Amino acid sequence: MNNHQKSTFHPLGDFLNPALALLGQGLIKSPIWQKLNFANHPYLCKGLNCIKKFIQFNH
């Protein structure tokens, strides 16, 4: 990747990371998120846990 590509996509990442973190923080703390039971849907659960870990890691 050259310097032009880095400068083009860097501001987009700076904008999206805080927005995703705030969205994820709201989802994790919401009562709906806490009440959902994904035990019968392992693939959905795995995907949502992956998203949750990503959001917590970037927060």
PDB file of N, CA and C in Angstrom:
ATOM      1  N   MET A   1       0.854  -1.177   0.000  1.00  0.00           N
ATOM      2  CA  MET A   1       0.000   0.000   0.000  1.00  0.00           C
ATOM      3  C   MET A   1       0.898   1.237   0.000  1.00  0.00           C
ATOM      4  N   ASN A   2       0.596   2.173  -0.843  1.00  0.00           N
ATOM      5  CA  ASN A   2       1.408   3.385  -0.901  1.00  0.00           C
ATOM      6  C   ASN A   2       0.836   4.481   0.005  1.00  0.00           C
ATOM      7  N   ASN A   3       1.530   5.601   0.106  1.00  0.00           N
ATOM      8  CA  ASN A   3       1.110   6.686   0.996  1.00  0.00           C
ATOM      9  C   ASN A   3      -0.224   7.293   0.597  1.00  0.00           C
ATOM     10  N   HIS A   4      -0.518   7.316  -0.700  1.00  0.00           N
ATOM     11  CA  HIS A   4      -1.791   7.885  -1.145  1.00  0.00           C
ATOM     12  C   HIS A   4      -2.960   7.051  -0.627  1.00  0.00           C
ATOM     13  N   GLN A   5      -2.844   5.746  -0.674  1.00  0.00           N
ATOM     14  CA  GLN A   5      -3.924   4.888  -0.187  1.00  0.00           C
ATOM     15  C   GLN A   5      -4.106   5.052   1.313  1.00  0.00           C
ATOM     16  N   LYS A   6      -3.025   5.162   2.050  1.00  0.00           N
ATOM     17  CA  LYS A   6      -3.132   5.344   3.497  1.00  0.00           C
ATOM     18  C   LYS A   6      -3.840   6.651   3.830  1.00  0.00           C
ATOM     19  N   SER A   7      -3.476   7.722   3.146  1.00  0.00           N
ATOM     20  CA  SER A   7      -4.080   9.014   3.455  1.00  0.00           C
ATOM     21  C   SER A   7      -5.543   9.069   3.025  1.00  0.00           C
ATOM     22  N   THR A   8      -5.917   8.279   2.024  1.00  0.00           N
ATOM     23  CA  THR A   8      -7.298   8.276   1.559  1.00  0.00           C
ATOM     24  C   THR A   8      -8.217   7.567   2.546  1.00  0.00           C
ATOM     25  N   PHE A   9      -7.792   6.436   3.084  1.00  0.00           N
ATOM     26  CA  PHE A   9      -8.675   5.620   3.915  1.00  0.00           C
ATOM     27  C   PHE A   9      -8.532   5.902   5.403  1.00  0.00           C
ATOM     28  N   HIS A  10      -7.477   6.562   5.817  1.00  0.00           N
ATOM     29  CA  HIS A  10      -7.274   6.814   7.242  1.00  0.00           C
ATOM     30  C   HIS A  10      -8.386   7.663   7.861  1.00  0.00           C
ATOM     31  N   PRO A  11      -8.804   8.781   7.256  1.00  0.00           N
ATOM     32  CA  PRO A  11      -9.894   9.567   7.856  1.00  0.00           C
ATOM     33  C   PRO A  11     -11.207   8.786   7.956  1.00  0.00           C
ATOM     34  N   LEU A  12     -11.445   7.905   7.014  1.00  0.00           N
ATOM     35  CA  LEU A  12     -12.663   7.097   7.072  1.00  0.00           C
ATOM     36  C   LEU A  12     -12.630   6.193   8.295  1.00  0.00           C
ATOM     37  N   GLY A  13     -11.495   5.589   8.568  1.00  0.00           N
ATOM     38  CA  GLY A  13     -11.346   4.750   9.753  1.00  0.00           C
ATOM     39  C   GLY A  13     -11.479   5.546  11.032  1.00  0.00           C
ATOM     40  N   ASP A  14     -10.927   6.758  11.043  1.00  0.00           N
ATOM     41  CA  ASP A  14     -11.043   7.617  12.221  1.00  0.00           C
ATOM     42  C   ASP A  14     -12.496   7.983  12.495  1.00  0.00           C
ATOM     43  N   PHE A  15     -13.288   8.079  11.443  1.00  0.00           N
ATOM     44  CA  PHE A  15     -14.706   8.397  11.613  1.00  0.00           C
ATOM     45  C   PHE A  15     -15.500   7.172  12.048  1.00  0.00           C
ATOM     46  N   LEU A  16     -15.237   6.021  11.441  1.00  0.00           N
ATOM     47  CA  LEU A  16     -16.053   4.837  11.686  1.00  0.00           C
ATOM     48  C   LEU A  16     -15.777   4.177  13.031  1.00  0.00           C
ATOM     49  N   ASN A  17     -14.537   4.134  13.476  1.00  0.00           N
ATOM     50  CA  ASN A  17     -14.229   3.432  14.718  1.00  0.00           C
ATOM     51  C   ASN A  17     -14.993   3.987  15.920  1.00  0.00           C
ATOM     52  N   PRO A  18     -15.006   5.302  16.173  1.00  0.00           N
ATOM     53  CA  PRO A  18     -15.795   5.809  17.302  1.00  0.00           C
ATOM     54  C   PRO A  18     -17.296   5.596  17.116  1.00  0.00           C
ATOM     55  N   ALA A  19     -17.770   5.716  15.886  1.00  0.00           N
ATOM     56  CA  ALA A  19     -19.202   5.514  15.639  1.00  0.00           C
ATOM     57  C   ALA A  19     -19.589   4.073  15.930  1.00  0.00           C
ATOM     58  N   LEU A  20     -18.787   3.123  15.480  1.00  0.00           N
ATOM     59  CA  LEU A  20     -19.066   1.711  15.754  1.00  0.00           C
ATOM     60  C   LEU A  20     -18.944   1.405  17.240  1.00  0.00           C
ATOM     61  N   ALA A  21     -17.990   2.025  17.908  1.00  0.00           N
ATOM     62  CA  ALA A  21     -17.817   1.802  19.342  1.00  0.00           C
ATOM     63  C   ALA A  21     -19.041   2.289  20.111  1.00  0.00           C
ATOM     64  N   LEU A  22     -19.543   3.471  19.765  1.00  0.00           N
ATOM     65  CA  LEU A  22     -20.733   3.993  20.441  1.00  0.00           C
ATOM     66  C   LEU A  22     -21.953   3.131  20.164  1.00  0.00           C
ATOM     67  N   LEU A  23     -22.095   2.698  18.926  1.00  0.00           N
ATOM     68  CA  LEU A  23     -23.211   1.828  18.573  1.00  0.00           C
ATOM     69  C   LEU A  23     -23.120   0.521  19.346  1.00  0.00           C
ATOM     70  N   GLY A  24     -21.953  -0.056  19.388  1.00  0.00           N
ATOM     71  CA  GLY A  24     -21.761  -1.317  20.099  1.00  0.00           C
ATOM     72  C   GLY A  24     -21.979  -1.176  21.586  1.00  0.00           C
ATOM     73  N   GLN A  25     -21.532  -0.072  22.153  1.00  0.00           N
ATOM     74  CA  GLN A  25     -21.715   0.158  23.579  1.00  0.00           C
ATOM     75  C   GLN A  25     -23.204   0.240  23.907  1.00  0.00           C
ATOM     76  N   GLY A  26     -23.954   0.898  23.058  1.00  0.00           N
ATOM     77  CA  GLY A  26     -25.397   0.982  23.262  1.00  0.00           C
ATOM     78  C   GLY A  26     -26.072  -0.368  23.125  1.00  0.00           C
ATOM     79  N   LEU A  27     -25.635  -1.166  22.160  1.00  0.00           N
ATOM     80  CA  LEU A  27     -26.222  -2.491  21.966  1.00  0.00           C
ATOM     81  C   LEU A  27     -25.917  -3.416  23.129  1.00  0.00           C
ATOM     82  N   ILE A  28     -24.680  -3.399  23.596  1.00  0.00           N
ATOM     83  CA  ILE A  28     -24.274  -4.307  24.669  1.00  0.00           C
ATOM     84  C   ILE A  28     -25.018  -3.978  25.958  1.00  0.00           C
ATOM     85  N   LYS A  29     -25.254  -2.707  26.221  1.00  0.00           N
ATOM     86  CA  LYS A  29     -25.913  -2.295  27.458  1.00  0.00           C
ATOM     87  C   LYS A  29     -27.435  -2.362  27.372  1.00  0.00           C
ATOM     88  N   SER A  30     -27.969  -2.550  26.185  1.00  0.00           N
ATOM     89  CA  SER A  30     -29.423  -2.539  26.041  1.00  0.00           C
ATOM     90  C   SER A  30     -30.041  -3.793  26.649  1.00  0.00           C
ATOM     91  N   PRO A  31     -31.227  -3.666  27.247  1.00  0.00           N
ATOM     92  CA  PRO A  31     -31.890  -4.830  27.839  1.00  0.00           C
ATOM     93  C   PRO A  31     -32.238  -5.894  26.801  1.00  0.00           C
ATOM     94  N   ILE A  32     -32.496  -5.477  25.579  1.00  0.00           N
ATOM     95  CA  ILE A  32     -32.833  -6.443  24.529  1.00  0.00           C
ATOM     96  C   ILE A  32     -31.641  -7.348  24.263  1.00  0.00           C
ATOM     97  N   TRP A  33     -30.443  -6.776  24.159  1.00  0.00           N
ATOM     98  CA  TRP A  33     -29.226  -7.569  23.912  1.00  0.00           C
ATOM     99  C   TRP A  33     -29.022  -8.574  25.038  1.00  0.00           C
ATOM    100  N   GLN A  34     -29.262  -8.155  26.282  1.00  0.00           N
ATOM    101  CA  GLN A  34     -29.021  -9.009  27.436  1.00  0.00           C
ATOM    102  C   GLN A  34     -30.067 -10.109  27.551  1.00  0.00           C
ATOM    103  N   LYS A  35     -31.277  -9.888  27.037  1.00  0.00           N
ATOM    104  CA  LYS A  35     -32.341 -10.883  27.150  1.00  0.00           C
ATOM    105  C   LYS A  35     -32.333 -11.907  26.022  1.00  0.00           C
ATOM    106  N   LEU A  36     -31.655 -11.590  24.922  1.00  0.00           N
ATOM    107  CA  LEU A  36     -31.669 -12.507  23.788  1.00  0.00           C
ATOM    108  C   LEU A  36     -30.944 -13.796  24.135  1.00  0.00           C
ATOM    109  N   ASN A  37     -31.518 -14.903  23.686  1.00  0.00           N
ATOM    110  CA  ASN A  37     -30.910 -16.206  23.911  1.00  0.00           C
ATOM    111  C   ASN A  37     -30.625 -16.821  22.558  1.00  0.00           C
ATOM    112  N   PHE A  38     -29.346 -16.958  22.227  1.00  0.00           N
ATOM    113  CA  PHE A  38     -28.958 -17.484  20.931  1.00  0.00           C
ATOM    114  C   PHE A  38     -28.483 -18.929  21.024  1.00  0.00           C
ATOM    115  N   ALA A  39     -28.850 -19.632  22.100  1.00  0.00           N
ATOM    116  CA  ALA A  39     -28.377 -21.001  22.293  1.00  0.00           C
ATOM    117  C   ALA A  39     -28.836 -21.915  21.162  1.00  0.00           C
ATOM    118  N   ASN A  40     -29.979 -21.627  20.562  1.00  0.00           N
ATOM    119  CA  ASN A  40     -30.494 -22.467  19.481  1.00  0.00           C
ATOM    120  C   ASN A  40     -29.978 -22.042  18.114  1.00  0.00           C
ATOM    121  N   HIS A  41     -29.195 -20.994  18.065  1.00  0.00           N
ATOM    122  CA  HIS A  41     -28.675 -20.478  16.801  1.00  0.00           C
ATOM    123  C   HIS A  41     -27.166 -20.265  16.916  1.00  0.00           C
ATOM    124  N   PRO A  42     -26.379 -21.339  16.899  1.00  0.00           N
ATOM    125  CA  PRO A  42     -24.938 -21.203  17.157  1.00  0.00           C
ATOM    126  C   PRO A  42     -24.203 -20.328  16.151  1.00  0.00           C
ATOM    127  N   TYR A  43     -24.603 -20.351  14.878  1.00  0.00           N
ATOM    128  CA  TYR A  43     -23.898 -19.535  13.892  1.00  0.00           C
ATOM    129  C   TYR A  43     -24.177 -18.055  14.119  1.00  0.00           C
ATOM    130  N   LEU A  44     -25.422 -17.721  14.428  1.00  0.00           N
ATOM    131  CA  LEU A  44     -25.772 -16.338  14.725  1.00  0.00           C
ATOM    132  C   LEU A  44     -25.057 -15.879  15.988  1.00  0.00           C
ATOM    133  N   CYS A  45     -25.042 -16.740  16.986  1.00  0.00           N
ATOM    134  CA  CYS A  45     -24.374 -16.422  18.245  1.00  0.00           C
ATOM    135  C   CYS A  45     -22.893 -16.169  18.013  1.00  0.00           C
ATOM    136  N   LYS A  46     -22.262 -17.013  17.221  1.00  0.00           N
ATOM    137  CA  LYS A  46     -20.833 -16.863  16.937  1.00  0.00           C
ATOM    138  C   LYS A  46     -20.562 -15.531  16.234  1.00  0.00           C
ATOM    139  N   GLY A  47     -21.390 -15.179  15.271  1.00  0.00           N
ATOM    140  CA  GLY A  47     -21.213 -13.921  14.560  1.00  0.00           C
ATOM    141  C   GLY A  47     -21.413 -12.717  15.457  1.00  0.00           C
ATOM    142  N   LEU A  48     -22.440 -12.756  16.296  1.00  0.00           N
ATOM    143  CA  LEU A  48     -22.700 -11.631  17.193  1.00  0.00           C
ATOM    144  C   LEU A  48     -21.622 -11.513  18.259  1.00  0.00           C
ATOM    145  N   ASN A  49     -21.127 -12.643  18.750  1.00  0.00           N
ATOM    146  CA  ASN A  49     -20.040 -12.593  19.726  1.00  0.00           C
ATOM    147  C   ASN A  49     -18.783 -12.017  19.102  1.00  0.00           C
ATOM    148  N   CYS A  50     -18.548 -12.332  17.853  1.00  0.00           N
ATOM    149  CA  CYS A  50     -17.394 -11.788  17.138  1.00  0.00           C
ATOM    150  C   CYS A  50     -17.519 -10.270  17.023  1.00  0.00           C
ATOM    151  N   ILE A  51     -18.702  -9.798  16.676  1.00  0.00           N
ATOM    152  CA  ILE A  51     -18.944  -8.354  16.570  1.00  0.00           C
ATOM    153  C   ILE A  51     -18.781  -7.694  17.940  1.00  0.00           C
ATOM    154  N   LYS A  52     -19.322  -8.339  18.973  1.00  0.00           N
ATOM    155  CA  LYS A  52     -19.236  -7.801  20.327  1.00  0.00           C
ATOM    156  C   LYS A  52     -17.775  -7.682  20.770  1.00  0.00           C
ATOM    157  N   LYS A  53     -16.968  -8.711  20.503  1.00  0.00           N
ATOM    158  CA  LYS A  53     -15.549  -8.673  20.868  1.00  0.00           C
ATOM    159  C   LYS A  53     -14.817  -7.589  20.086  1.00  0.00           C
ATOM    160  N   PHE A  54     -15.152  -7.434  18.812  1.00  0.00           N
ATOM    161  CA  PHE A  54     -14.524  -6.404  17.983  1.00  0.00           C
ATOM    162  C   PHE A  54     -14.825  -5.018  18.539  1.00  0.00           C
ATOM    163  N   ILE A  55     -16.068  -4.802  18.920  1.00  0.00           N
ATOM    164  CA  ILE A  55     -16.471  -3.496  19.443  1.00  0.00           C
ATOM    165  C   ILE A  55     -15.774  -3.225  20.772  1.00  0.00           C
ATOM    166  N   GLN A  56     -15.721  -4.228  21.648  1.00  0.00           N
ATOM    167  CA  GLN A  56     -15.069  -4.041  22.935  1.00  0.00           C
ATOM    168  C   GLN A  56     -13.574  -3.814  22.760  1.00  0.00           C
ATOM    169  N   PHE A  57     -12.960  -4.495  21.799  1.00  0.00           N
ATOM    170  CA  PHE A  57     -11.529  -4.342  21.546  1.00  0.00           C
ATOM    171  C   PHE A  57     -11.209  -2.940  21.045  1.00  0.00           C
ATOM    172  N   ASN A  58     -12.075  -2.393  20.203  1.00  0.00           N
ATOM    173  CA  ASN A  58     -11.835  -1.073  19.624  1.00  0.00           C
ATOM    174  C   ASN A  58     -12.290   0.062  20.527  1.00  0.00           C
ATOM    175  N   HIS A  59     -12.998  -0.246  21.580  1.00  0.00           N
ATOM    176  CA  HIS A  59     -13.488   0.802  22.478  1.00  0.00           C
ATOM    177  C   HIS A  59     -12.402   1.164  23.379  1.00  0.00           C
TER     178      HIS A  59
END
